[in-house]
Amino acid sequence: MATDHHMNDFHAENVEVSYEPRDLGAKGILLFFAILIVTGVVVHFVVLGVYGAMGKVVASMEPEQNPMQPQAEAPKAVMLQNTPMVDLNKFAHPRLQSDEPADMSAFNWQENQWLRTHAWVDEKGTVHVPIDVAKEELLKRGLPTRAPGGNATPGSVQSLSGAPAVSAPQVTTNKPKG
């Protein structure tokens, strides 16, 4: 009888512990997924219809092509070409750079040529002097200042040392190539 007593204790309810006796059944879960799939399909077709309608509106807004204008022949595709069927000469400028380091090197070389080549005068009469010559002249003359209490005039410009400004160095009228 002792064993019967232990069996009854094992199956006895614990009144201190409570739980939710209802559980979510498979029917609710399957209904949720069915509604989710149907909603996804409906949204897909609505978005597809909106894009189709927008495409028709844009097409109707484009001007008609002139029927007398000859049709441009598409360029021939070349095997192993990265961008087939594209004529790069038809693209407007500025274009994306294809080799940035080489472009920057060429730009720096051209800028150095402008800074360091011989002096010249352009069509507008602007004098271009090599940067080294300009620095030397600035060190010789100093920065221009105004005379105390007056306006700066070509004759009144003085160097920081107080000496009157001297004339510019001789320049040629040949523009450098580059």
N, C-alpha and C. Protein backbone atom coordinates (compact mmCIF):
# COMPACT_ATOMS: atom_id res chain seq x y z
N MET A 1 0.79 -1.19 0.00
CA MET A 1 0.00 0.00 0.00
C MET A 1 0.84 1.26 0.00
N ALA A 2 2.01 1.10 0.44
CA ALA A 2 2.89 2.25 0.48
C ALA A 2 3.18 2.74 -0.93
N THR A 3 3.28 1.83 -1.85
CA THR A 3 3.55 2.24 -3.22
C THR A 3 2.36 2.95 -3.83
N ASP A 4 1.15 2.56 -3.46
CA ASP A 4 -0.03 3.25 -3.97
C ASP A 4 -0.09 4.69 -3.48
N HIS A 5 0.35 4.93 -2.27
CA HIS A 5 0.33 6.26 -1.70
C HIS A 5 1.29 7.18 -2.44
N HIS A 6 2.46 6.66 -2.79
CA HIS A 6 3.44 7.48 -3.53
C HIS A 6 2.96 7.78 -4.93
N MET A 7 2.26 6.89 -5.55
CA MET A 7 1.73 7.12 -6.89
C MET A 7 0.70 8.23 -6.88
N ASN A 8 -0.12 8.29 -5.90
CA ASN A 8 -1.12 9.34 -5.81
C ASN A 8 -0.46 10.70 -5.59
N ASP A 9 0.63 10.75 -4.83
CA ASP A 9 1.34 12.01 -4.61
C ASP A 9 1.99 12.51 -5.91
N PHE A 10 2.43 11.57 -6.70
CA PHE A 10 3.09 11.93 -7.96
C PHE A 10 2.12 12.59 -8.93
N HIS A 11 0.90 12.16 -9.00
CA HIS A 11 -0.08 12.70 -9.93
C HIS A 11 -0.94 13.80 -9.33
N ALA A 12 -0.67 14.19 -8.15
CA ALA A 12 -1.48 15.23 -7.50
C ALA A 12 -1.15 16.59 -8.12
N GLU A 13 -2.13 17.45 -8.15
CA GLU A 13 -1.95 18.79 -8.71
C GLU A 13 -1.27 19.69 -7.69
N ASN A 14 -0.41 20.55 -8.22
CA ASN A 14 0.24 21.53 -7.38
C ASN A 14 -0.56 22.81 -7.50
N VAL A 15 -1.21 23.23 -6.48
CA VAL A 15 -2.09 24.39 -6.53
C VAL A 15 -1.31 25.69 -6.54
N GLU A 16 -0.05 25.68 -6.19
CA GLU A 16 0.75 26.90 -6.17
C GLU A 16 1.23 27.29 -7.57
N VAL A 17 1.26 26.38 -8.51
CA VAL A 17 1.74 26.64 -9.86
C VAL A 17 0.55 26.77 -10.79
N SER A 18 0.58 27.85 -11.63
CA SER A 18 -0.51 28.01 -12.59
C SER A 18 0.11 28.14 -13.99
N TYR A 19 -0.64 27.83 -15.00
CA TYR A 19 -0.19 27.92 -16.38
C TYR A 19 -1.39 28.21 -17.26
N GLU A 20 -1.10 28.59 -18.52
CA GLU A 20 -2.16 28.87 -19.50
C GLU A 20 -2.65 27.53 -20.04
N PRO A 21 -3.88 27.19 -19.79
CA PRO A 21 -4.37 25.89 -20.25
C PRO A 21 -4.63 25.87 -21.74
N ARG A 22 -4.83 27.05 -22.37
CA ARG A 22 -5.07 27.07 -23.81
C ARG A 22 -3.74 27.18 -24.53
N ASP A 23 -3.62 26.56 -25.66
CA ASP A 23 -2.41 26.62 -26.46
C ASP A 23 -2.79 27.07 -27.86
N LEU A 24 -1.84 27.70 -28.56
CA LEU A 24 -2.10 28.13 -29.94
C LEU A 24 -2.03 26.90 -30.82
N GLY A 25 -3.11 26.65 -31.51
CA GLY A 25 -3.18 25.46 -32.34
C GLY A 25 -2.57 25.70 -33.70
N ALA A 26 -2.39 24.64 -34.45
CA ALA A 26 -1.82 24.70 -35.79
C ALA A 26 -2.73 25.47 -36.73
N LYS A 27 -4.02 25.46 -36.47
CA LYS A 27 -4.97 26.16 -37.34
C LYS A 27 -4.67 27.66 -37.37
N GLY A 28 -4.39 28.27 -36.24
CA GLY A 28 -4.09 29.70 -36.17
C GLY A 28 -2.79 30.05 -36.87
N ILE A 29 -1.78 29.21 -36.69
CA ILE A 29 -0.49 29.46 -37.33
C ILE A 29 -0.61 29.35 -38.85
N LEU A 30 -1.28 28.33 -39.34
CA LEU A 30 -1.46 28.16 -40.78
C LEU A 30 -2.31 29.28 -41.36
N LEU A 31 -3.31 29.75 -40.63
CA LEU A 31 -4.13 30.87 -41.10
C LEU A 31 -3.29 32.14 -41.21
N PHE A 32 -2.40 32.38 -40.24
CA PHE A 32 -1.52 33.56 -40.29
C PHE A 32 -0.63 33.52 -41.53
N PHE A 33 0.01 32.38 -41.79
CA PHE A 33 0.90 32.28 -42.95
C PHE A 33 0.12 32.38 -44.26
N ALA A 34 -1.09 31.85 -44.33
CA ALA A 34 -1.91 31.97 -45.54
C ALA A 34 -2.24 33.43 -45.81
N ILE A 35 -2.61 34.17 -44.77
CA ILE A 35 -2.92 35.61 -44.94
C ILE A 35 -1.66 36.37 -45.34
N LEU A 36 -0.52 36.02 -44.75
CA LEU A 36 0.74 36.67 -45.09
C LEU A 36 1.11 36.45 -46.56
N ILE A 37 0.95 35.24 -47.05
CA ILE A 37 1.29 34.94 -48.45
C ILE A 37 0.33 35.66 -49.40
N VAL A 38 -0.96 35.62 -49.10
CA VAL A 38 -1.94 36.30 -49.96
C VAL A 38 -1.66 37.80 -49.99
N THR A 39 -1.38 38.39 -48.84
CA THR A 39 -1.07 39.83 -48.78
C THR A 39 0.19 40.14 -49.58
N GLY A 40 1.22 39.31 -49.47
CA GLY A 40 2.45 39.53 -50.23
C GLY A 40 2.22 39.48 -51.73
N VAL A 41 1.43 38.53 -52.19
CA VAL A 41 1.14 38.42 -53.62
C VAL A 41 0.34 39.64 -54.10
N VAL A 42 -0.64 40.07 -53.30
CA VAL A 42 -1.44 41.24 -53.68
C VAL A 42 -0.56 42.48 -53.75
N VAL A 43 0.31 42.70 -52.77
CA VAL A 43 1.21 43.85 -52.77
C VAL A 43 2.15 43.78 -53.97
N HIS A 44 2.65 42.60 -54.31
CA HIS A 44 3.52 42.45 -55.46
C HIS A 44 2.84 42.93 -56.74
N PHE A 45 1.61 42.49 -56.96
CA PHE A 45 0.91 42.88 -58.19
C PHE A 45 0.50 44.34 -58.18
N VAL A 46 0.21 44.90 -57.02
CA VAL A 46 -0.10 46.33 -56.94
C VAL A 46 1.13 47.16 -57.31
N VAL A 47 2.30 46.81 -56.76
CA VAL A 47 3.52 47.53 -57.08
C VAL A 47 3.87 47.37 -58.56
N LEU A 48 3.70 46.17 -59.10
CA LEU A 48 3.95 45.93 -60.52
C LEU A 48 3.04 46.79 -61.38
N GLY A 49 1.78 46.92 -61.00
CA GLY A 49 0.85 47.76 -61.74
C GLY A 49 1.20 49.23 -61.66
N VAL A 50 1.65 49.69 -60.49
CA VAL A 50 2.04 51.10 -60.34
C VAL A 50 3.24 51.40 -61.22
N TYR A 51 4.25 50.52 -61.22
CA TYR A 51 5.42 50.74 -62.09
C TYR A 51 5.03 50.72 -63.56
N GLY A 52 4.14 49.84 -63.96
CA GLY A 52 3.68 49.81 -65.35
C GLY A 52 2.97 51.10 -65.73
N ALA A 53 2.12 51.61 -64.82
CA ALA A 53 1.41 52.86 -65.10
C ALA A 53 2.37 54.03 -65.18
N MET A 54 3.37 54.06 -64.29
CA MET A 54 4.35 55.15 -64.34
C MET A 54 5.16 55.09 -65.63
N GLY A 55 5.50 53.89 -66.10
CA GLY A 55 6.23 53.75 -67.36
C GLY A 55 5.43 54.27 -68.54
N LYS A 56 4.11 54.02 -68.54
CA LYS A 56 3.26 54.53 -69.62
C LYS A 56 3.16 56.05 -69.57
N VAL A 57 3.09 56.63 -68.38
CA VAL A 57 3.02 58.09 -68.26
C VAL A 57 4.31 58.72 -68.76
N VAL A 58 5.46 58.16 -68.39
CA VAL A 58 6.74 58.70 -68.84
C VAL A 58 6.86 58.55 -70.36
N ALA A 59 6.44 57.42 -70.90
CA ALA A 59 6.52 57.22 -72.35
C ALA A 59 5.62 58.20 -73.09
N SER A 60 4.47 58.54 -72.52
CA SER A 60 3.58 59.48 -73.19
C SER A 60 4.11 60.91 -73.12
N MET A 61 4.98 61.21 -72.17
CA MET A 61 5.53 62.56 -72.03
C MET A 61 6.74 62.80 -72.92
N GLU A 62 7.37 61.75 -73.40
CA GLU A 62 8.55 61.91 -74.25
C GLU A 62 8.13 62.43 -75.62
N PRO A 63 8.93 63.33 -76.20
CA PRO A 63 8.59 63.86 -77.52
C PRO A 63 8.73 62.77 -78.58
N GLU A 64 7.94 62.91 -79.65
CA GLU A 64 8.03 61.94 -80.74
C GLU A 64 9.33 62.14 -81.50
N GLN A 65 9.91 61.03 -81.96
CA GLN A 65 11.12 61.11 -82.74
C GLN A 65 10.77 61.57 -84.15
N ASN A 66 11.65 62.34 -84.74
CA ASN A 66 11.46 62.82 -86.10
C ASN A 66 11.61 61.63 -87.05
N PRO A 67 10.57 61.31 -87.83
CA PRO A 67 10.69 60.16 -88.73
C PRO A 67 11.69 60.38 -89.86
N MET A 68 12.05 61.63 -90.14
CA MET A 68 13.01 61.93 -91.21
C MET A 68 14.46 61.78 -90.72
N GLN A 69 14.65 61.73 -89.43
CA GLN A 69 15.99 61.61 -88.90
C GLN A 69 16.49 60.19 -89.11
N PRO A 70 17.69 60.03 -89.68
CA PRO A 70 18.20 58.68 -89.89
C PRO A 70 18.47 58.01 -88.54
N GLN A 71 18.18 56.74 -88.49
CA GLN A 71 18.40 55.98 -87.27
C GLN A 71 19.89 55.68 -87.12
N ALA A 72 20.41 55.92 -85.94
CA ALA A 72 21.82 55.64 -85.69
C ALA A 72 22.00 54.13 -85.54
N GLU A 73 22.99 53.62 -86.25
CA GLU A 73 23.25 52.18 -86.18
C GLU A 73 23.98 51.88 -84.88
N ALA A 74 23.54 50.85 -84.22
CA ALA A 74 24.17 50.47 -82.95
C ALA A 74 25.56 49.94 -83.24
N PRO A 75 26.53 50.29 -82.40
CA PRO A 75 27.88 49.77 -82.62
C PRO A 75 27.92 48.26 -82.44
N LYS A 76 28.84 47.64 -83.14
CA LYS A 76 28.97 46.18 -83.09
C LYS A 76 29.62 45.77 -81.78
N ALA A 77 29.14 44.69 -81.23
CA ALA A 77 29.72 44.16 -80.00
C ALA A 77 31.06 43.52 -80.31
N VAL A 78 32.03 43.75 -79.47
CA VAL A 78 33.35 43.17 -79.63
C VAL A 78 33.52 42.11 -78.53
N MET A 79 34.05 40.98 -78.93
CA MET A 79 34.22 39.90 -77.97
C MET A 79 35.15 40.35 -76.85
N LEU A 80 34.81 40.02 -75.64
CA LEU A 80 35.57 40.31 -74.43
C LEU A 80 35.66 41.81 -74.13
N GLN A 81 34.75 42.59 -74.66
CA GLN A 81 34.72 44.01 -74.35
C GLN A 81 33.96 44.20 -73.05
N ASN A 82 34.46 45.06 -72.18
CA ASN A 82 33.85 45.25 -70.88
C ASN A 82 32.45 45.84 -70.98
N THR A 83 32.25 46.82 -71.84
CA THR A 83 30.94 47.44 -72.01
C THR A 83 30.52 47.31 -73.47
N PRO A 84 29.93 46.18 -73.85
CA PRO A 84 29.57 45.99 -75.25
C PRO A 84 28.44 46.92 -75.66
N MET A 85 28.39 47.23 -76.93
CA MET A 85 27.33 48.01 -77.55
C MET A 85 27.30 49.46 -77.06
N VAL A 86 28.42 50.00 -76.60
CA VAL A 86 28.45 51.37 -76.11
C VAL A 86 29.55 52.12 -76.85
N ASP A 87 29.19 53.25 -77.45
CA ASP A 87 30.17 54.13 -78.09
C ASP A 87 30.50 55.23 -77.09
N LEU A 88 31.67 55.15 -76.46
CA LEU A 88 32.03 56.09 -75.41
C LEU A 88 32.18 57.51 -75.92
N ASN A 89 32.42 57.70 -77.22
CA ASN A 89 32.57 59.05 -77.75
C ASN A 89 31.26 59.81 -77.78
N LYS A 90 30.14 59.12 -77.62
CA LYS A 90 28.84 59.80 -77.64
C LYS A 90 28.43 60.33 -76.28
N PHE A 91 29.17 59.97 -75.22
CA PHE A 91 28.83 60.45 -73.89
C PHE A 91 29.28 61.89 -73.71
N ALA A 92 28.50 62.66 -73.01
CA ALA A 92 28.83 64.06 -72.76
C ALA A 92 29.96 64.15 -71.74
N HIS A 93 30.65 65.28 -71.77
CA HIS A 93 31.71 65.54 -70.80
C HIS A 93 31.11 66.26 -69.61
N PRO A 94 31.56 66.19 -68.43
CA PRO A 94 32.70 65.42 -67.97
C PRO A 94 32.33 63.97 -67.78
N ARG A 95 33.29 63.11 -67.96
CA ARG A 95 33.10 61.67 -67.81
C ARG A 95 33.78 61.20 -66.53
N LEU A 96 33.43 60.01 -66.11
CA LEU A 96 34.11 59.42 -64.96
C LEU A 96 35.54 59.09 -65.36
N GLN A 97 36.42 59.19 -64.40
CA GLN A 97 37.81 58.87 -64.68
C GLN A 97 37.99 57.36 -64.74
N SER A 98 38.80 56.90 -65.67
CA SER A 98 39.07 55.47 -65.77
C SER A 98 40.39 55.12 -65.08
N ASP A 99 41.30 56.09 -64.95
CA ASP A 99 42.59 55.84 -64.31
C ASP A 99 42.96 57.09 -63.50
N GLU A 100 42.48 57.16 -62.27
CA GLU A 100 42.66 58.35 -61.44
C GLU A 100 44.13 58.68 -61.17
N PRO A 101 44.97 57.71 -60.81
CA PRO A 101 46.37 58.07 -60.55
C PRO A 101 47.08 58.65 -61.77
N ALA A 102 46.85 58.09 -62.94
CA ALA A 102 47.49 58.61 -64.15
C ALA A 102 46.95 59.99 -64.48
N ASP A 103 45.64 60.20 -64.32
CA ASP A 103 45.05 61.52 -64.57
C ASP A 103 45.63 62.56 -63.62
N MET A 104 45.80 62.19 -62.34
CA MET A 104 46.33 63.13 -61.36
C MET A 104 47.79 63.43 -61.65
N SER A 105 48.55 62.43 -62.08
CA SER A 105 49.96 62.67 -62.44
C SER A 105 50.06 63.61 -63.63
N ALA A 106 49.22 63.41 -64.64
CA ALA A 106 49.23 64.29 -65.81
C ALA A 106 48.83 65.71 -65.41
N PHE A 107 47.82 65.83 -64.53
CA PHE A 107 47.39 67.15 -64.07
C PHE A 107 48.51 67.85 -63.30
N ASN A 108 49.18 67.12 -62.40
CA ASN A 108 50.28 67.71 -61.63
C ASN A 108 51.43 68.12 -62.54
N TRP A 109 51.74 67.30 -63.55
CA TRP A 109 52.81 67.64 -64.49
C TRP A 109 52.45 68.93 -65.23
N GLN A 110 51.20 69.03 -65.69
CA GLN A 110 50.78 70.24 -66.42
C GLN A 110 50.83 71.47 -65.52
N GLU A 111 50.39 71.33 -64.27
CA GLU A 111 50.44 72.46 -63.34
C GLU A 111 51.88 72.88 -63.08
N ASN A 112 52.79 71.92 -62.93
CA ASN A 112 54.20 72.25 -62.72
C ASN A 112 54.79 72.96 -63.94
N GLN A 113 54.37 72.55 -65.14
CA GLN A 113 54.84 73.24 -66.34
C GLN A 113 54.38 74.70 -66.34
N TRP A 114 53.15 74.93 -65.94
CA TRP A 114 52.63 76.31 -65.89
C TRP A 114 53.38 77.13 -64.84
N LEU A 115 53.74 76.48 -63.71
CA LEU A 115 54.39 77.20 -62.62
C LEU A 115 55.87 77.46 -62.90
N ARG A 116 56.54 76.56 -63.62
CA ARG A 116 57.99 76.62 -63.70
C ARG A 116 58.55 77.00 -65.08
N THR A 117 57.72 77.11 -66.12
CA THR A 117 58.25 77.46 -67.45
C THR A 117 58.54 78.95 -67.52
N HIS A 118 59.09 79.37 -68.65
CA HIS A 118 59.50 80.77 -68.82
C HIS A 118 58.29 81.70 -68.78
N ALA A 119 58.57 82.97 -68.57
CA ALA A 119 57.51 83.98 -68.46
C ALA A 119 56.89 84.24 -69.83
N TRP A 120 55.60 84.56 -69.83
CA TRP A 120 54.89 84.84 -71.07
C TRP A 120 53.69 85.73 -70.79
N VAL A 121 53.14 86.33 -71.83
CA VAL A 121 51.96 87.20 -71.73
C VAL A 121 50.85 86.58 -72.56
N ASP A 122 49.65 86.43 -71.99
CA ASP A 122 48.55 85.85 -72.74
C ASP A 122 47.83 86.91 -73.57
N GLU A 123 46.75 86.50 -74.26
CA GLU A 123 46.03 87.40 -75.17
C GLU A 123 45.42 88.60 -74.46
N LYS A 124 45.10 88.46 -73.19
CA LYS A 124 44.48 89.55 -72.44
C LYS A 124 45.52 90.51 -71.87
N GLY A 125 46.79 90.20 -72.02
CA GLY A 125 47.84 91.05 -71.50
C GLY A 125 48.28 90.66 -70.10
N THR A 126 47.81 89.54 -69.60
CA THR A 126 48.21 89.09 -68.27
C THR A 126 49.59 88.46 -68.36
N VAL A 127 50.48 88.88 -67.46
CA VAL A 127 51.84 88.38 -67.45
C VAL A 127 51.90 87.15 -66.55
N HIS A 128 52.48 86.09 -67.09
CA HIS A 128 52.68 84.85 -66.33
C HIS A 128 54.17 84.68 -66.10
N VAL A 129 54.56 84.64 -64.85
CA VAL A 129 55.97 84.56 -64.47
C VAL A 129 56.17 83.23 -63.75
N PRO A 130 57.31 82.56 -63.97
CA PRO A 130 57.57 81.32 -63.23
C PRO A 130 57.53 81.57 -61.72
N ILE A 131 57.09 80.60 -60.98
CA ILE A 131 56.88 80.76 -59.54
C ILE A 131 58.17 81.10 -58.81
N ASP A 132 59.30 80.50 -59.24
CA ASP A 132 60.57 80.79 -58.56
C ASP A 132 60.98 82.24 -58.77
N VAL A 133 60.78 82.77 -59.98
CA VAL A 133 61.11 84.16 -60.26
C VAL A 133 60.19 85.07 -59.45
N ALA A 134 58.91 84.73 -59.37
CA ALA A 134 57.96 85.54 -58.61
C ALA A 134 58.34 85.57 -57.13
N LYS A 135 58.76 84.44 -56.58
CA LYS A 135 59.17 84.40 -55.17
C LYS A 135 60.41 85.26 -54.93
N GLU A 136 61.38 85.16 -55.84
CA GLU A 136 62.59 85.98 -55.70
C GLU A 136 62.26 87.46 -55.75
N GLU A 137 61.42 87.86 -56.69
CA GLU A 137 61.03 89.27 -56.80
C GLU A 137 60.28 89.73 -55.56
N LEU A 138 59.44 88.88 -55.01
CA LEU A 138 58.71 89.24 -53.79
C LEU A 138 59.67 89.42 -52.63
N LEU A 139 60.70 88.56 -52.54
CA LEU A 139 61.68 88.71 -51.48
C LEU A 139 62.52 89.97 -51.66
N LYS A 140 62.82 90.34 -52.90
CA LYS A 140 63.61 91.55 -53.16
C LYS A 140 62.80 92.80 -52.83
N ARG A 141 61.56 92.86 -53.33
CA ARG A 141 60.74 94.07 -53.22
C ARG A 141 59.97 94.16 -51.92
N GLY A 142 59.51 93.04 -51.41
CA GLY A 142 58.63 93.05 -50.26
C GLY A 142 57.19 93.20 -50.74
N LEU A 143 56.26 93.12 -49.80
CA LEU A 143 54.85 93.24 -50.14
C LEU A 143 54.47 94.70 -50.33
N PRO A 144 53.58 95.03 -51.28
CA PRO A 144 53.18 96.42 -51.47
C PRO A 144 52.35 96.92 -50.28
N THR A 145 52.57 98.17 -49.91
CA THR A 145 51.81 98.80 -48.82
C THR A 145 51.33 100.16 -49.28
N ARG A 146 50.37 100.72 -48.57
CA ARG A 146 49.90 102.07 -48.87
C ARG A 146 50.73 103.08 -48.09
N ALA A 147 50.86 104.21 -48.69
CA ALA A 147 51.53 105.31 -47.99
C ALA A 147 50.63 105.73 -46.83
N PRO A 148 51.17 106.14 -45.72
CA PRO A 148 50.34 106.52 -44.59
C PRO A 148 49.39 107.66 -44.96
N GLY A 149 48.09 107.44 -44.72
CA GLY A 149 47.08 108.47 -44.94
C GLY A 149 46.68 108.67 -46.39
N GLY A 150 47.05 107.82 -47.29
CA GLY A 150 46.71 108.02 -48.69
C GLY A 150 46.24 106.75 -49.35
N ASN A 151 45.83 106.90 -50.62
CA ASN A 151 45.41 105.75 -51.41
C ASN A 151 46.60 105.18 -52.16
N ALA A 152 46.54 103.93 -52.45
CA ALA A 152 47.61 103.29 -53.20
C ALA A 152 47.47 103.64 -54.67
N THR A 153 48.51 104.19 -55.25
CA THR A 153 48.55 104.49 -56.68
C THR A 153 49.78 103.79 -57.23
N PRO A 154 49.85 103.63 -58.55
CA PRO A 154 51.01 102.92 -59.10
C PRO A 154 52.33 103.53 -58.66
N GLY A 155 52.40 104.85 -58.50
CA GLY A 155 53.65 105.49 -58.09
C GLY A 155 53.88 105.44 -56.59
N SER A 156 52.82 105.18 -55.82
CA SER A 156 52.96 105.25 -54.36
C SER A 156 53.18 103.90 -53.70
N VAL A 157 53.23 102.82 -54.47
CA VAL A 157 53.43 101.50 -53.88
C VAL A 157 54.87 101.39 -53.43
N GLN A 158 55.04 101.00 -52.17
CA GLN A 158 56.37 100.85 -51.61
C GLN A 158 56.54 99.44 -51.08
N SER A 159 57.75 99.01 -51.00
CA SER A 159 58.01 97.70 -50.39
C SER A 159 57.97 97.86 -48.88
N LEU A 160 58.00 96.76 -48.17
CA LEU A 160 57.99 96.82 -46.71
C LEU A 160 59.23 97.50 -46.17
N SER A 161 60.29 97.48 -46.94
CA SER A 161 61.52 98.13 -46.49
C SER A 161 61.46 99.64 -46.69
N GLY A 162 60.42 100.14 -47.40
CA GLY A 162 60.28 101.57 -47.62
C GLY A 162 60.79 102.03 -48.96
N ALA A 163 61.47 101.15 -49.70
CA ALA A 163 61.99 101.52 -51.01
C ALA A 163 60.87 101.48 -52.03
N PRO A 164 60.86 102.37 -53.03
CA PRO A 164 59.81 102.32 -54.05
C PRO A 164 59.89 101.02 -54.84
N ALA A 165 58.71 100.57 -55.34
CA ALA A 165 58.64 99.32 -56.10
C ALA A 165 59.36 99.47 -57.41
N VAL A 166 59.99 98.38 -57.88
CA VAL A 166 60.71 98.39 -59.16
C VAL A 166 59.88 97.71 -60.21
N SER A 167 60.26 97.85 -61.48
CA SER A 167 59.46 97.30 -62.57
C SER A 167 59.59 95.78 -62.63
N ALA A 168 58.62 95.15 -63.35
CA ALA A 168 58.57 93.70 -63.48
C ALA A 168 59.68 93.21 -64.40
N PRO A 169 60.08 91.94 -64.30
CA PRO A 169 61.13 91.39 -65.16
C PRO A 169 60.62 91.27 -66.60
N GLN A 170 61.56 91.15 -67.52
CA GLN A 170 61.22 91.04 -68.94
C GLN A 170 60.50 89.71 -69.18
N VAL A 171 59.45 89.74 -70.01
CA VAL A 171 58.71 88.54 -70.33
C VAL A 171 58.56 88.44 -71.85
N THR A 172 58.33 87.20 -72.30
CA THR A 172 58.08 86.98 -73.73
C THR A 172 56.59 86.83 -73.94
N THR A 173 56.15 86.93 -75.19
CA THR A 173 54.73 86.80 -75.50
C THR A 173 54.38 85.42 -75.99
N ASN A 174 55.26 84.45 -75.82
CA ASN A 174 54.97 83.09 -76.27
C ASN A 174 54.33 82.31 -75.15
N LYS A 175 53.19 81.73 -75.44
CA LYS A 175 52.48 80.91 -74.45
C LYS A 175 53.09 79.51 -74.47
N PRO A 176 53.34 78.90 -73.28
CA PRO A 176 53.90 77.54 -73.28
C PRO A 176 52.90 76.54 -73.82
N LYS A 177 53.44 75.50 -74.41
CA LYS A 177 52.56 74.45 -74.93
C LYS A 177 52.31 73.46 -73.83
N GLY A 178 51.02 73.03 -73.68
CA GLY A 178 50.74 72.06 -72.65
C GLY A 178 49.38 72.16 -72.11
